[in-house]
């Protein structure tokens, strides 16, 4: 009896040893070789996996950079430091880039707009937007229920008087708030841009003013005041070309509805 037990134990041990040897050989034969350059690039990235670079995460971006398929300037979270570090790893010249930040193109606070109906459903912007484009008198404006706040991992957005405001010092340009906003009123602009048209309403003047006291009425006074051809009224809305804008603020001074705002860091 004892001998049978010992024989069984020995047999199991031998089988285990054989399997161990086989697995060891297989791991070497079928091992996937990793490009050390990818690991080096990955070590430079911040690991936010935010997708702002256009890739699913830092691993995918690192692989694309290492293979030369992606620019080293796409990591907005890492900013200029990551660009400089990647330039060393990839042996290329570091480009100077202008930091981008999110801006909410709406200032339709409770004082400036009205509620069209009493909404009692799920407290998200996406949900209320599905009900007749929201409960605000302006169908283009901020709904103020914080989908963007919940999407932001960097404490860069606050809701005040029913409108989202960006804390630009905290913004890393991950663009998650842009994707979360059902009204598409959050855009990316250069941090150096002091002047912003805080409106998305493309309705005609009277309809705009009936909906919001600070909406753009397409009067074109800003367009006429600009000496640098940096602001144009298109489709009933003033739009700034930041490649031309010098932050002279002439457009701000002539805007009758105070739609054009000055943003200071």
C-alpha atoms as a PDB file:
ATOM      1  CA  UNK A   1       0.000   0.000   0.000  1.00  0.00           C
ATOM      2  CA  UNK A   2       2.729   2.440   1.008  1.00  0.00           C
ATOM      3  CA  UNK A   3       4.726   1.541  -2.062  1.00  0.00           C
ATOM      4  CA  UNK A   4       1.732   2.280  -4.298  1.00  0.00           C
ATOM      5  CA  UNK A   5       1.323   5.701  -2.706  1.00  0.00           C
ATOM      6  CA  UNK A   6       5.017   6.492  -3.125  1.00  0.00           C
ATOM      7  CA  UNK A   7       4.889   5.353  -6.744  1.00  0.00           C
ATOM      8  CA  UNK A   8       1.902   7.628  -7.418  1.00  0.00           C
ATOM      9  CA  UNK A   9       3.635  10.594  -5.773  1.00  0.00           C
ATOM     10  CA  UNK A  10       6.773   9.961  -7.808  1.00  0.00           C
ATOM     11  CA  UNK A  11       4.753   9.719 -11.004  1.00  0.00           C
ATOM     12  CA  UNK A  12       2.989  13.004 -10.293  1.00  0.00           C
ATOM     13  CA  UNK A  13       6.334  14.636  -9.535  1.00  0.00           C
ATOM     14  CA  UNK A  14       7.830  13.438 -12.781  1.00  0.00           C
ATOM     15  CA  UNK A  15       4.801  14.622 -14.763  1.00  0.00           C
ATOM     16  CA  UNK A  16       4.995  18.021 -13.053  1.00  0.00           C
ATOM     17  CA  UNK A  17       8.700  18.271 -13.829  1.00  0.00           C
ATOM     18  CA  UNK A  18       8.087  17.412 -17.483  1.00  0.00           C
ATOM     19  CA  UNK A  19       5.331  20.018 -17.727  1.00  0.00           C
ATOM     20  CA  UNK A  20       7.609  22.586 -16.105  1.00  0.00           C
ATOM     21  CA  UNK A  21      10.381  21.906 -18.588  1.00  0.00           C
ATOM     22  CA  UNK A  22       7.909  22.041 -21.475  1.00  0.00           C
ATOM     23  CA  UNK A  23       6.486  25.371 -20.326  1.00  0.00           C
ATOM     24  CA  UNK A  24       9.958  26.799 -19.878  1.00  0.00           C
ATOM     25  CA  UNK A  25      10.925  25.812 -23.406  1.00  0.00           C
ATOM     26  CA  UNK A  26       7.623  27.119 -24.811  1.00  0.00           C
ATOM     27  CA  UNK A  27       8.023  30.468 -23.060  1.00  0.00           C
ATOM     28  CA  UNK A  28      11.373  30.947 -24.774  1.00  0.00           C
ATOM     29  CA  UNK A  29      10.276  29.658 -28.182  1.00  0.00           C
ATOM     30  CA  UNK A  30       7.046  31.640 -28.330  1.00  0.00           C
ATOM     31  CA  UNK A  31       8.194  34.715 -26.404  1.00  0.00           C
ATOM     32  CA  UNK A  32       7.060  38.024 -27.913  1.00  0.00           C
ATOM     33  CA  UNK A  33      10.036  40.278 -28.252  1.00  0.00           C
ATOM     34  CA  UNK A  34       9.441  43.809 -26.975  1.00  0.00           C
ATOM     35  CA  UNK A  35      11.102  46.731 -28.653  1.00  0.00           C
ATOM     36  CA  UNK A  36      13.161  48.410 -25.912  1.00  0.00           C
ATOM     37  CA  UNK A  37      12.445  51.754 -27.591  1.00  0.00           C
ATOM     38  CA  UNK A  38       8.728  51.319 -26.873  1.00  0.00           C
ATOM     39  CA  UNK A  39       9.471  50.691 -23.196  1.00  0.00           C
ATOM     40  CA  UNK A  40      11.683  53.757 -23.101  1.00  0.00           C
ATOM     41  CA  UNK A  41       9.021  55.962 -24.668  1.00  0.00           C
ATOM     42  CA  UNK A  42       6.343  54.515 -22.376  1.00  0.00           C
ATOM     43  CA  UNK A  43       8.464  55.389 -19.363  1.00  0.00           C
ATOM     44  CA  UNK A  44       8.402  59.052 -20.330  1.00  0.00           C
ATOM     45  CA  UNK A  45       4.608  59.275 -20.719  1.00  0.00           C
ATOM     46  CA  UNK A  46       2.475  60.298 -17.705  1.00  0.00           C
ATOM     47  CA  UNK A  47       0.198  57.246 -17.777  1.00  0.00           C
ATOM     48  CA  UNK A  48      -3.047  59.231 -17.835  1.00  0.00           C
ATOM     49  CA  UNK A  49      -4.524  57.049 -20.619  1.00  0.00           C
ATOM     50  CA  UNK A  50      -6.868  59.944 -21.428  1.00  0.00           C
ATOM     51  CA  UNK A  51      -6.922  59.455 -25.199  1.00  0.00           C
ATOM     52  CA  UNK A  52      -6.238  63.126 -25.946  1.00  0.00           C
ATOM     53  CA  UNK A  53      -3.334  62.080 -28.177  1.00  0.00           C
ATOM     54  CA  UNK A  54      -5.757  60.236 -30.449  1.00  0.00           C
ATOM     55  CA  UNK A  55      -4.699  56.772 -29.284  1.00  0.00           C
ATOM     56  CA  UNK A  56      -6.514  54.406 -26.926  1.00  0.00           C
ATOM     57  CA  UNK A  57      -3.940  54.894 -24.194  1.00  0.00           C
ATOM     58  CA  UNK A  58      -0.306  55.539 -23.359  1.00  0.00           C
ATOM     59  CA  UNK A  59       0.803  52.052 -24.436  1.00  0.00           C
ATOM     60  CA  UNK A  60      -0.609  52.500 -27.929  1.00  0.00           C
ATOM     61  CA  UNK A  61       0.800  56.022 -28.225  1.00  0.00           C
ATOM     62  CA  UNK A  62       4.227  54.830 -27.046  1.00  0.00           C
ATOM     63  CA  UNK A  63       4.253  52.113 -29.697  1.00  0.00           C
ATOM     64  CA  UNK A  64       3.272  54.599 -32.420  1.00  0.00           C
ATOM     65  CA  UNK A  65       5.950  57.097 -31.351  1.00  0.00           C
ATOM     66  CA  UNK A  66       8.631  54.411 -31.161  1.00  0.00           C
ATOM     67  CA  UNK A  67       7.783  53.241 -34.668  1.00  0.00           C
ATOM     68  CA  UNK A  68       7.795  56.796 -36.008  1.00  0.00           C
ATOM     69  CA  UNK A  69       4.067  56.730 -36.771  1.00  0.00           C
ATOM     70  CA  UNK A  70       3.083  59.530 -34.350  1.00  0.00           C
ATOM     71  CA  UNK A  71       4.388  62.980 -33.480  1.00  0.00           C
ATOM     72  CA  UNK A  72       6.012  63.475 -30.100  1.00  0.00           C
ATOM     73  CA  UNK A  73       3.845  66.556 -29.469  1.00  0.00           C
ATOM     74  CA  UNK A  74       0.494  64.824 -28.947  1.00  0.00           C
ATOM     75  CA  UNK A  75       0.591  64.268 -25.175  1.00  0.00           C
ATOM     76  CA  UNK A  76      -1.240  67.317 -23.845  1.00  0.00           C
ATOM     77  CA  UNK A  77      -1.238  66.043 -20.271  1.00  0.00           C
ATOM     78  CA  UNK A  78       2.538  65.789 -20.199  1.00  0.00           C
ATOM     79  CA  UNK A  79       2.980  69.131 -21.922  1.00  0.00           C
ATOM     80  CA  UNK A  80       6.325  70.564 -22.974  1.00  0.00           C
ATOM     81  CA  UNK A  81       8.305  68.443 -20.496  1.00  0.00           C
ATOM     82  CA  UNK A  82       7.143  65.191 -22.107  1.00  0.00           C
ATOM     83  CA  UNK A  83       7.858  66.623 -25.562  1.00  0.00           C
ATOM     84  CA  UNK A  84      11.397  67.477 -24.464  1.00  0.00           C
ATOM     85  CA  UNK A  85      11.918  64.044 -22.910  1.00  0.00           C
ATOM     86  CA  UNK A  86      10.549  62.257 -25.970  1.00  0.00           C
ATOM     87  CA  UNK A  87      12.821  64.290 -28.226  1.00  0.00           C
ATOM     88  CA  UNK A  88      15.804  62.907 -26.317  1.00  0.00           C
ATOM     89  CA  UNK A  89      14.524  59.333 -26.521  1.00  0.00           C
ATOM     90  CA  UNK A  90      13.705  59.586 -30.223  1.00  0.00           C
ATOM     91  CA  UNK A  91      16.751  61.728 -31.082  1.00  0.00           C
ATOM     92  CA  UNK A  92      14.661  64.432 -32.741  1.00  0.00           C
ATOM     93  CA  UNK A  93      14.371  68.160 -32.201  1.00  0.00           C
ATOM     94  CA  UNK A  94      11.887  69.268 -29.547  1.00  0.00           C
ATOM     95  CA  UNK A  95       9.160  71.561 -30.854  1.00  0.00           C
ATOM     96  CA  UNK A  96       7.827  74.430 -28.775  1.00  0.00           C
ATOM     97  CA  UNK A  97       4.043  74.167 -28.495  1.00  0.00           C
ATOM     98  CA  UNK A  98       1.395  76.488 -27.093  1.00  0.00           C
ATOM     99  CA  UNK A  99      -0.533  74.958 -24.227  1.00  0.00           C
ATOM    100  CA  UNK A 100      -4.217  74.418 -24.951  1.00  0.00           C
ATOM    101  CA  UNK A 101      -7.055  74.793 -22.459  1.00  0.00           C
ATOM    102  CA  UNK A 102     -10.777  74.142 -22.537  1.00  0.00           C
ATOM    103  CA  UNK A 103     -13.241  77.042 -22.741  1.00  0.00           C
ATOM    104  CA  UNK A 104     -17.001  76.918 -22.198  1.00  0.00           C
ATOM    105  CA  UNK A 105     -18.713  79.034 -24.867  1.00  0.00           C
ATOM    106  CA  UNK A 106     -21.634  80.084 -22.711  1.00  0.00           C
ATOM    107  CA  UNK A 107     -22.314  82.645 -19.983  1.00  0.00           C
ATOM    108  CA  UNK A 108     -26.062  82.053 -19.753  1.00  0.00           C
ATOM    109  CA  UNK A 109     -26.334  81.932 -15.967  1.00  0.00           C
ATOM    110  CA  UNK A 110     -29.636  81.802 -14.067  1.00  0.00           C
ATOM    111  CA  UNK A 111     -29.708  85.606 -14.160  1.00  0.00           C
ATOM    112  CA  UNK A 112     -29.277  85.726 -17.943  1.00  0.00           C
ATOM    113  CA  UNK A 113     -31.606  82.882 -18.986  1.00  0.00           C
ATOM    114  CA  UNK A 114     -34.835  81.270 -17.830  1.00  0.00           C
ATOM    115  CA  UNK A 115     -36.097  77.738 -17.308  1.00  0.00           C
ATOM    116  CA  UNK A 116     -38.643  76.531 -19.836  1.00  0.00           C
ATOM    117  CA  UNK A 117     -39.985  73.742 -17.650  1.00  0.00           C
ATOM    118  CA  UNK A 118     -39.351  71.957 -14.353  1.00  0.00           C
ATOM    119  CA  UNK A 119     -37.087  68.998 -15.081  1.00  0.00           C
ATOM    120  CA  UNK A 120     -37.322  66.141 -12.541  1.00  0.00           C
ATOM    121  CA  UNK A 121     -35.539  63.339 -14.386  1.00  0.00           C
ATOM    122  CA  UNK A 122     -32.005  61.954 -14.210  1.00  0.00           C
ATOM    123  CA  UNK A 123     -29.650  64.762 -13.216  1.00  0.00           C
ATOM    124  CA  UNK A 124     -27.260  64.689 -16.165  1.00  0.00           C
ATOM    125  CA  UNK A 125     -26.835  67.061 -19.086  1.00  0.00           C
ATOM    126  CA  UNK A 126     -27.252  64.197 -21.542  1.00  0.00           C
ATOM    127  CA  UNK A 127     -30.566  63.172 -20.004  1.00  0.00           C
ATOM    128  CA  UNK A 128     -32.102  66.658 -19.832  1.00  0.00           C
ATOM    129  CA  UNK A 129     -30.837  67.448 -23.341  1.00  0.00           C
ATOM    130  CA  UNK A 130     -32.924  64.543 -24.611  1.00  0.00           C
ATOM    131  CA  UNK A 131     -36.032  66.392 -23.376  1.00  0.00           C
ATOM    132  CA  UNK A 132     -36.675  69.056 -26.020  1.00  0.00           C
ATOM    133  CA  UNK A 133     -32.983  70.108 -26.093  1.00  0.00           C
ATOM    134  CA  UNK A 134     -32.957  70.893 -22.388  1.00  0.00           C
ATOM    135  CA  UNK A 135     -34.860  73.016 -19.904  1.00  0.00           C
ATOM    136  CA  UNK A 136     -33.079  76.314 -20.600  1.00  0.00           C
ATOM    137  CA  UNK A 137     -34.597  79.129 -22.637  1.00  0.00           C
ATOM    138  CA  UNK A 138     -31.453  78.906 -24.789  1.00  0.00           C
ATOM    139  CA  UNK A 139     -31.344  75.570 -26.588  1.00  0.00           C
ATOM    140  CA  UNK A 140     -27.652  76.126 -27.382  1.00  0.00           C
ATOM    141  CA  UNK A 141     -26.463  76.891 -23.846  1.00  0.00           C
ATOM    142  CA  UNK A 142     -24.923  75.094 -20.894  1.00  0.00           C
ATOM    143  CA  UNK A 143     -27.299  72.816 -18.988  1.00  0.00           C
ATOM    144  CA  UNK A 144     -25.247  73.018 -15.805  1.00  0.00           C
ATOM    145  CA  UNK A 145     -25.723  69.470 -14.505  1.00  0.00           C
ATOM    146  CA  UNK A 146     -22.034  68.647 -14.573  1.00  0.00           C
ATOM    147  CA  UNK A 147     -21.395  65.896 -17.123  1.00  0.00           C
ATOM    148  CA  UNK A 148     -18.157  67.754 -17.879  1.00  0.00           C
ATOM    149  CA  UNK A 149     -17.298  67.983 -14.167  1.00  0.00           C
ATOM    150  CA  UNK A 150     -17.746  64.232 -13.753  1.00  0.00           C
ATOM    151  CA  UNK A 151     -15.602  63.554 -16.819  1.00  0.00           C
ATOM    152  CA  UNK A 152     -12.706  65.741 -15.633  1.00  0.00           C
ATOM    153  CA  UNK A 153     -10.092  63.977 -13.506  1.00  0.00           C
ATOM    154  CA  UNK A 154      -8.104  67.128 -12.776  1.00  0.00           C
ATOM    155  CA  UNK A 155     -10.566  69.288 -10.807  1.00  0.00           C
ATOM    156  CA  UNK A 156     -10.549  71.793 -13.651  1.00  0.00           C
ATOM    157  CA  UNK A 157     -14.288  72.511 -13.981  1.00  0.00           C
ATOM    158  CA  UNK A 158     -16.804  74.128 -11.626  1.00  0.00           C
ATOM    159  CA  UNK A 159     -20.519  74.801 -11.996  1.00  0.00           C
ATOM    160  CA  UNK A 160     -21.606  78.293 -10.958  1.00  0.00           C
ATOM    161  CA  UNK A 161     -25.097  79.735 -11.419  1.00  0.00           C
ATOM    162  CA  UNK A 162     -25.982  76.900 -13.786  1.00  0.00           C
ATOM    163  CA  UNK A 163     -22.977  77.290 -16.086  1.00  0.00           C
ATOM    164  CA  UNK A 164     -19.679  75.376 -16.274  1.00  0.00           C
ATOM    165  CA  UNK A 165     -16.474  77.363 -15.791  1.00  0.00           C
ATOM    166  CA  UNK A 166     -12.958  76.072 -16.495  1.00  0.00           C
ATOM    167  CA  UNK A 167     -10.201  76.403 -13.898  1.00  0.00           C
ATOM    168  CA  UNK A 168      -7.534  76.916 -16.529  1.00  0.00           C
ATOM    169  CA  UNK A 169      -4.609  76.484 -14.142  1.00  0.00           C
ATOM    170  CA  UNK A 170      -5.736  72.872 -13.641  1.00  0.00           C
ATOM    171  CA  UNK A 171      -6.706  72.087 -17.229  1.00  0.00           C
ATOM    172  CA  UNK A 172      -4.385  69.600 -18.979  1.00  0.00           C
ATOM    173  CA  UNK A 173      -6.286  69.592 -22.303  1.00  0.00           C
ATOM    174  CA  UNK A 174      -7.329  65.948 -22.019  1.00  0.00           C
ATOM    175  CA  UNK A 175     -10.556  66.876 -23.892  1.00  0.00           C
ATOM    176  CA  UNK A 176     -12.744  64.581 -21.808  1.00  0.00           C
ATOM    177  CA  UNK A 177     -15.053  67.483 -21.002  1.00  0.00           C
ATOM    178  CA  UNK A 178     -15.334  68.253 -24.718  1.00  0.00           C
ATOM    179  CA  UNK A 179     -16.518  64.711 -25.388  1.00  0.00           C
ATOM    180  CA  UNK A 180     -18.889  64.709 -22.400  1.00  0.00           C
ATOM    181  CA  UNK A 181     -20.782  67.903 -23.293  1.00  0.00           C
ATOM    182  CA  UNK A 182     -23.986  67.126 -25.253  1.00  0.00           C
ATOM    183  CA  UNK A 183     -24.242  70.769 -26.352  1.00  0.00           C
ATOM    184  CA  UNK A 184     -20.749  70.861 -27.917  1.00  0.00           C
ATOM    185  CA  UNK A 185     -20.046  74.203 -26.246  1.00  0.00           C
ATOM    186  CA  UNK A 186     -16.648  73.265 -24.788  1.00  0.00           C
ATOM    187  CA  UNK A 187     -13.750  73.928 -27.152  1.00  0.00           C
ATOM    188  CA  UNK A 188      -9.965  73.931 -26.969  1.00  0.00           C
ATOM    189  CA  UNK A 189      -8.140  77.241 -27.380  1.00  0.00           C
ATOM    190  CA  UNK A 190      -4.547  78.436 -26.863  1.00  0.00           C
ATOM    191  CA  UNK A 191      -3.991  79.430 -23.242  1.00  0.00           C
ATOM    192  CA  UNK A 192      -2.613  82.720 -24.561  1.00  0.00           C
ATOM    193  CA  UNK A 193      -6.026  83.598 -26.021  1.00  0.00           C
ATOM    194  CA  UNK A 194      -7.530  86.195 -23.686  1.00  0.00           C
ATOM    195  CA  UNK A 195     -10.583  86.975 -25.797  1.00  0.00           C
ATOM    196  CA  UNK A 196     -13.406  84.478 -26.365  1.00  0.00           C
ATOM    197  CA  UNK A 197     -16.887  84.692 -27.879  1.00  0.00           C
ATOM    198  CA  UNK A 198     -18.825  82.913 -25.123  1.00  0.00           C
ATOM    199  CA  UNK A 199     -21.823  81.867 -27.188  1.00  0.00           C
ATOM    200  CA  UNK A 200     -22.903  79.124 -29.611  1.00  0.00           C
ATOM    201  CA  UNK A 201     -26.364  80.451 -30.478  1.00  0.00           C
ATOM    202  CA  UNK A 202     -26.823  80.834 -34.245  1.00  0.00           C
ATOM    203  CA  UNK A 203     -30.414  82.079 -34.115  1.00  0.00           C
ATOM    204  CA  UNK A 204     -31.434  85.546 -35.321  1.00  0.00           C
ATOM    205  CA  UNK A 205     -30.892  88.542 -33.032  1.00  0.00           C
ATOM    206  CA  UNK A 206     -34.341  88.904 -31.410  1.00  0.00           C
ATOM    207  CA  UNK A 207     -34.678  85.177 -30.804  1.00  0.00           C
ATOM    208  CA  UNK A 208     -31.224  85.157 -29.215  1.00  0.00           C
ATOM    209  CA  UNK A 209     -32.074  87.993 -26.847  1.00  0.00           C
ATOM    210  CA  UNK A 210     -35.379  86.366 -25.914  1.00  0.00           C
ATOM    211  CA  UNK A 211     -33.407  83.281 -24.889  1.00  0.00           C
ATOM    212  CA  UNK A 212     -30.335  84.843 -23.257  1.00  0.00           C
ATOM    213  CA  UNK A 213     -29.282  88.362 -22.298  1.00  0.00           C
ATOM    214  CA  UNK A 214     -25.625  87.732 -23.181  1.00  0.00           C
ATOM    215  CA  UNK A 215     -26.017  85.949 -26.522  1.00  0.00           C
ATOM    216  CA  UNK A 216     -24.348  86.933 -29.783  1.00  0.00           C
ATOM    217  CA  UNK A 217     -26.776  88.862 -32.015  1.00  0.00           C
ATOM    218  CA  UNK A 218     -24.458  88.922 -35.062  1.00  0.00           C
ATOM    219  CA  UNK A 219     -24.417  92.726 -35.185  1.00  0.00           C
ATOM    220  CA  UNK A 220     -20.895  92.655 -36.684  1.00  0.00           C
ATOM    221  CA  UNK A 221     -19.649  95.525 -34.519  1.00  0.00           C
ATOM    222  CA  UNK A 222     -16.786  93.312 -33.389  1.00  0.00           C
ATOM    223  CA  UNK A 223     -15.913  92.454 -36.972  1.00  0.00           C
ATOM    224  CA  UNK A 224     -15.794  96.137 -37.952  1.00  0.00           C
ATOM    225  CA  UNK A 225     -13.754  97.095 -34.866  1.00  0.00           C
ATOM    226  CA  UNK A 226     -11.029  94.471 -35.386  1.00  0.00           C
ATOM    227  CA  UNK A 227      -7.951  95.864 -37.128  1.00  0.00           C
ATOM    228  CA  UNK A 228      -6.448  92.421 -37.685  1.00  0.00           C
ATOM    229  CA  UNK A 229      -9.299  90.648 -39.501  1.00  0.00           C
ATOM    230  CA  UNK A 230      -9.359  88.203 -36.590  1.00  0.00           C
ATOM    231  CA  UNK A 231     -13.101  88.012 -35.950  1.00  0.00           C
ATOM    232  CA  UNK A 232     -15.856  87.236 -38.430  1.00  0.00           C
ATOM    233  CA  UNK A 233     -19.590  86.676 -38.148  1.00  0.00           C
ATOM    234  CA  UNK A 234     -20.427  83.340 -39.736  1.00  0.00           C
ATOM    235  CA  UNK A 235     -23.834  81.696 -39.679  1.00  0.00           C
ATOM    236  CA  UNK A 236     -25.137  84.270 -37.225  1.00  0.00           C
ATOM    237  CA  UNK A 237     -22.264  83.945 -34.759  1.00  0.00           C
ATOM    238  CA  UNK A 238     -18.985  85.795 -34.196  1.00  0.00           C
ATOM    239  CA  UNK A 239     -15.955  83.500 -34.430  1.00  0.00           C
ATOM    240  CA  UNK A 240     -12.341  84.375 -33.560  1.00  0.00           C
ATOM    241  CA  UNK A 241      -9.349  83.275 -35.622  1.00  0.00           C
ATOM    242  CA  UNK A 242      -6.699  82.838 -32.929  1.00  0.00           C
ATOM    243  CA  UNK A 243      -3.902  82.750 -35.486  1.00  0.00           C
ATOM    244  CA  UNK A 244      -4.698  86.416 -36.181  1.00  0.00           C
ATOM    245  CA  UNK A 245      -5.979  87.605 -32.801  1.00  0.00           C
ATOM    246  CA  UNK A 246      -3.603  89.911 -30.902  1.00  0.00           C
ATOM    247  CA  UNK A 247      -5.729  90.217 -27.737  1.00  0.00           C
ATOM    248  CA  UNK A 248      -6.187  93.937 -28.410  1.00  0.00           C
ATOM    249  CA  UNK A 249      -9.696  93.670 -26.907  1.00  0.00           C
ATOM    250  CA  UNK A 250     -11.275  96.155 -29.338  1.00  0.00           C
ATOM    251  CA  UNK A 251     -14.031  93.635 -30.044  1.00  0.00           C
ATOM    252  CA  UNK A 252     -14.744  93.319 -26.327  1.00  0.00           C
ATOM    253  CA  UNK A 253     -15.261  97.071 -26.011  1.00  0.00           C
ATOM    254  CA  UNK A 254     -17.855  97.324 -28.781  1.00  0.00           C
ATOM    255  CA  UNK A 255     -19.891  94.161 -28.104  1.00  0.00           C
ATOM    256  CA  UNK A 256     -23.359  95.424 -27.066  1.00  0.00           C
ATOM    257  CA  UNK A 257     -24.393  92.208 -25.296  1.00  0.00           C
ATOM    258  CA  UNK A 258     -21.073  91.546 -23.527  1.00  0.00           C
ATOM    259  CA  UNK A 259     -20.869  88.193 -25.272  1.00  0.00           C
ATOM    260  CA  UNK A 260     -17.146  88.593 -25.937  1.00  0.00           C
ATOM    261  CA  UNK A 261     -15.283  87.947 -22.709  1.00  0.00           C
ATOM    262  CA  UNK A 262     -11.758  88.483 -21.438  1.00  0.00           C
ATOM    263  CA  UNK A 263     -10.186  85.443 -19.807  1.00  0.00           C
ATOM    264  CA  UNK A 264      -7.261  86.046 -17.469  1.00  0.00           C
ATOM    265  CA  UNK A 265      -5.032  83.298 -16.073  1.00  0.00           C
END
